[in-house]
Amino acid sequence: MKKILDHDPETKTTQIFHANEHDQTYAVETRQDVGEILKNNQAQLNETDRHTRYGDGMTKVASIPMSVYAEWLQKGYTRDQKKMKELLNSPDFQKFRTRQGRI
């Protein structure tokens, strides 16, 4: 059995409740439509190249969907700067990048 628990049109996230009647277990799945985020990331990425200087202070290098960020938060990655750099430099997450080059 599955049932939609919540849908947030602003973040485009949907939470779905899954129940397994055979062993009385359940899970809550979060889905997020990240198409618009990835489209915006690509547009921002196209505005820089590897030689674009970083500004003074903070520079945006990525935009991570909240569903992915929540997973990274749960795993403790967000408190580990080295792990975050590894993830954001990984080809697996290159579509989250808004700036070229290595972090």
C-alpha atoms as a PDB file:
ATOM      1  CA  MET A   1       0.000   0.000   0.000  1.00  0.00           C
ATOM      2  CA  LYS A   2       1.207   3.504  -0.729  1.00  0.00           C
ATOM      3  CA  LYS A   3      -0.294   6.887   0.017  1.00  0.00           C
ATOM      4  CA  ILE A   4       0.811  10.465  -0.673  1.00  0.00           C
ATOM      5  CA  LEU A   5       1.408  12.168   2.666  1.00  0.00           C
ATOM      6  CA  ASP A   6       2.379  15.620   1.476  1.00  0.00           C
ATOM      7  CA  HIS A   7       3.190  17.607  -1.649  1.00  0.00           C
ATOM      8  CA  ASP A   8       4.942  20.984  -1.617  1.00  0.00           C
ATOM      9  CA  PRO A   9       4.475  22.759  -4.965  1.00  0.00           C
ATOM     10  CA  GLU A  10       7.124  25.362  -4.118  1.00  0.00           C
ATOM     11  CA  THR A  11       9.960  22.863  -3.578  1.00  0.00           C
ATOM     12  CA  LYS A  12       8.303  20.281  -5.851  1.00  0.00           C
ATOM     13  CA  THR A  13       8.720  17.584  -3.208  1.00  0.00           C
ATOM     14  CA  THR A  14       6.300  14.760  -2.510  1.00  0.00           C
ATOM     15  CA  GLN A  15       6.359  12.453   0.480  1.00  0.00           C
ATOM     16  CA  ILE A  16       4.914   8.990  -0.072  1.00  0.00           C
ATOM     17  CA  PHE A  17       4.055   6.497   2.671  1.00  0.00           C
ATOM     18  CA  HIS A  18       4.737   2.839   1.791  1.00  0.00           C
ATOM     19  CA  ALA A  19       3.349   0.083   4.025  1.00  0.00           C
ATOM     20  CA  ASN A  20       4.267  -3.584   3.759  1.00  0.00           C
ATOM     21  CA  GLU A  21       1.299  -5.512   5.107  1.00  0.00           C
ATOM     22  CA  HIS A  22       3.198  -8.813   5.149  1.00  0.00           C
ATOM     23  CA  ASP A  23       5.800  -7.866   7.742  1.00  0.00           C
ATOM     24  CA  GLN A  24       4.161  -4.737   9.231  1.00  0.00           C
ATOM     25  CA  THR A  25       6.971  -2.408   8.139  1.00  0.00           C
ATOM     26  CA  TYR A  26       6.737   0.971   6.499  1.00  0.00           C
ATOM     27  CA  ALA A  27       8.891   3.570   4.791  1.00  0.00           C
ATOM     28  CA  VAL A  28       8.484   7.216   3.850  1.00  0.00           C
ATOM     29  CA  GLU A  29       9.887   8.124   0.453  1.00  0.00           C
ATOM     30  CA  THR A  30      10.679  11.691  -0.595  1.00  0.00           C
ATOM     31  CA  ARG A  31      10.662  12.541  -4.286  1.00  0.00           C
ATOM     32  CA  GLN A  32      11.659  15.889  -5.747  1.00  0.00           C
ATOM     33  CA  ASP A  33      11.349  17.194  -9.290  1.00  0.00           C
ATOM     34  CA  VAL A  34      14.796  18.759  -9.758  1.00  0.00           C
ATOM     35  CA  GLY A  35      14.450  19.669 -13.434  1.00  0.00           C
ATOM     36  CA  GLU A  36      14.200  23.418 -12.826  1.00  0.00           C
ATOM     37  CA  ILE A  37      17.141  23.369 -10.373  1.00  0.00           C
ATOM     38  CA  LEU A  38      19.332  21.549 -12.905  1.00  0.00           C
ATOM     39  CA  LYS A  39      18.280  23.942 -15.692  1.00  0.00           C
ATOM     40  CA  ASN A  40      19.188  26.972 -13.544  1.00  0.00           C
ATOM     41  CA  ASN A  41      22.477  25.351 -12.498  1.00  0.00           C
ATOM     42  CA  GLN A  42      23.442  24.815 -16.137  1.00  0.00           C
ATOM     43  CA  ALA A  43      22.633  28.437 -17.008  1.00  0.00           C
ATOM     44  CA  GLN A  44      24.813  29.695 -14.132  1.00  0.00           C
ATOM     45  CA  LEU A  45      27.583  27.242 -15.051  1.00  0.00           C
ATOM     46  CA  ASN A  46      27.613  28.592 -18.610  1.00  0.00           C
ATOM     47  CA  GLU A  47      28.355  32.088 -17.252  1.00  0.00           C
ATOM     48  CA  THR A  48      31.773  31.049 -15.905  1.00  0.00           C
ATOM     49  CA  ASP A  49      34.813  29.137 -17.061  1.00  0.00           C
ATOM     50  CA  ARG A  50      37.729  27.543 -15.232  1.00  0.00           C
ATOM     51  CA  HIS A  51      39.595  30.876 -15.195  1.00  0.00           C
ATOM     52  CA  THR A  52      36.811  33.029 -13.726  1.00  0.00           C
ATOM     53  CA  ARG A  53      38.180  34.550 -10.535  1.00  0.00           C
ATOM     54  CA  TYR A  54      36.505  33.882  -7.220  1.00  0.00           C
ATOM     55  CA  GLY A  55      35.158  36.983  -5.540  1.00  0.00           C
ATOM     56  CA  ASP A  56      36.102  38.219  -2.100  1.00  0.00           C
ATOM     57  CA  GLY A  57      34.234  36.239   0.528  1.00  0.00           C
ATOM     58  CA  MET A  58      31.660  33.632  -0.397  1.00  0.00           C
ATOM     59  CA  THR A  59      31.144  32.385  -3.952  1.00  0.00           C
ATOM     60  CA  LYS A  60      28.268  30.130  -4.995  1.00  0.00           C
ATOM     61  CA  VAL A  61      29.614  26.918  -6.528  1.00  0.00           C
ATOM     62  CA  ALA A  62      26.560  24.634  -6.424  1.00  0.00           C
ATOM     63  CA  SER A  63      22.834  24.412  -5.872  1.00  0.00           C
ATOM     64  CA  ILE A  64      21.844  21.132  -4.255  1.00  0.00           C
ATOM     65  CA  PRO A  65      18.220  19.895  -4.244  1.00  0.00           C
ATOM     66  CA  MET A  66      16.799  19.765  -0.718  1.00  0.00           C
ATOM     67  CA  SER A  67      16.068  16.039  -0.962  1.00  0.00           C
ATOM     68  CA  VAL A  68      19.749  15.349  -1.683  1.00  0.00           C
ATOM     69  CA  TYR A  69      20.903  17.836   0.963  1.00  0.00           C
ATOM     70  CA  ALA A  70      18.669  16.148   3.570  1.00  0.00           C
ATOM     71  CA  GLU A  71      20.269  12.790   2.741  1.00  0.00           C
ATOM     72  CA  TRP A  72      23.780  14.282   3.009  1.00  0.00           C
ATOM     73  CA  LEU A  73      22.814  15.933   6.295  1.00  0.00           C
ATOM     74  CA  GLN A  74      21.587  12.619   7.691  1.00  0.00           C
ATOM     75  CA  LYS A  75      24.848  10.918   6.664  1.00  0.00           C
ATOM     76  CA  GLY A  76      26.928  13.666   8.295  1.00  0.00           C
ATOM     77  CA  TYR A  77      28.497  14.841   5.025  1.00  0.00           C
ATOM     78  CA  THR A  78      27.469  18.476   5.509  1.00  0.00           C
ATOM     79  CA  ARG A  79      29.674  18.762   8.603  1.00  0.00           C
ATOM     80  CA  ASP A  80      32.710  17.380   6.747  1.00  0.00           C
ATOM     81  CA  GLN A  81      34.218  20.013   4.436  1.00  0.00           C
ATOM     82  CA  LYS A  82      36.550  17.475   2.814  1.00  0.00           C
ATOM     83  CA  LYS A  83      33.626  15.133   2.020  1.00  0.00           C
ATOM     84  CA  MET A  84      31.540  17.999   0.610  1.00  0.00           C
ATOM     85  CA  LYS A  85      34.397  18.996  -1.697  1.00  0.00           C
ATOM     86  CA  GLU A  86      34.776  15.373  -2.776  1.00  0.00           C
ATOM     87  CA  LEU A  87      31.057  15.103  -3.553  1.00  0.00           C
ATOM     88  CA  LEU A  88      30.833  18.400  -5.426  1.00  0.00           C
ATOM     89  CA  ASN A  89      33.970  17.636  -7.471  1.00  0.00           C
ATOM     90  CA  SER A  90      32.609  14.182  -8.339  1.00  0.00           C
ATOM     91  CA  PRO A  91      31.261  13.575 -11.857  1.00  0.00           C
ATOM     92  CA  ASP A  92      28.210  11.980 -10.195  1.00  0.00           C
ATOM     93  CA  PHE A  93      27.070  15.370  -8.895  1.00  0.00           C
ATOM     94  CA  GLN A  94      28.379  17.699 -11.611  1.00  0.00           C
ATOM     95  CA  LYS A  95      24.838  18.813 -12.510  1.00  0.00           C
ATOM     96  CA  PHE A  96      24.590  20.475  -9.081  1.00  0.00           C
ATOM     97  CA  ARG A  97      27.540  22.746  -9.899  1.00  0.00           C
ATOM     98  CA  THR A  98      26.955  26.392 -10.796  1.00  0.00           C
ATOM     99  CA  ARG A  99      30.605  27.194 -11.371  1.00  0.00           C
ATOM    100  CA  GLN A 100      33.361  25.475 -13.323  1.00  0.00           C
ATOM    101  CA  GLY A 101      36.669  24.338 -11.874  1.00  0.00           C
ATOM    102  CA  ARG A 102      37.531  22.380  -8.761  1.00  0.00           C
ATOM    103  CA  ILE A 103      36.455  23.270  -5.285  1.00  0.00           C
END
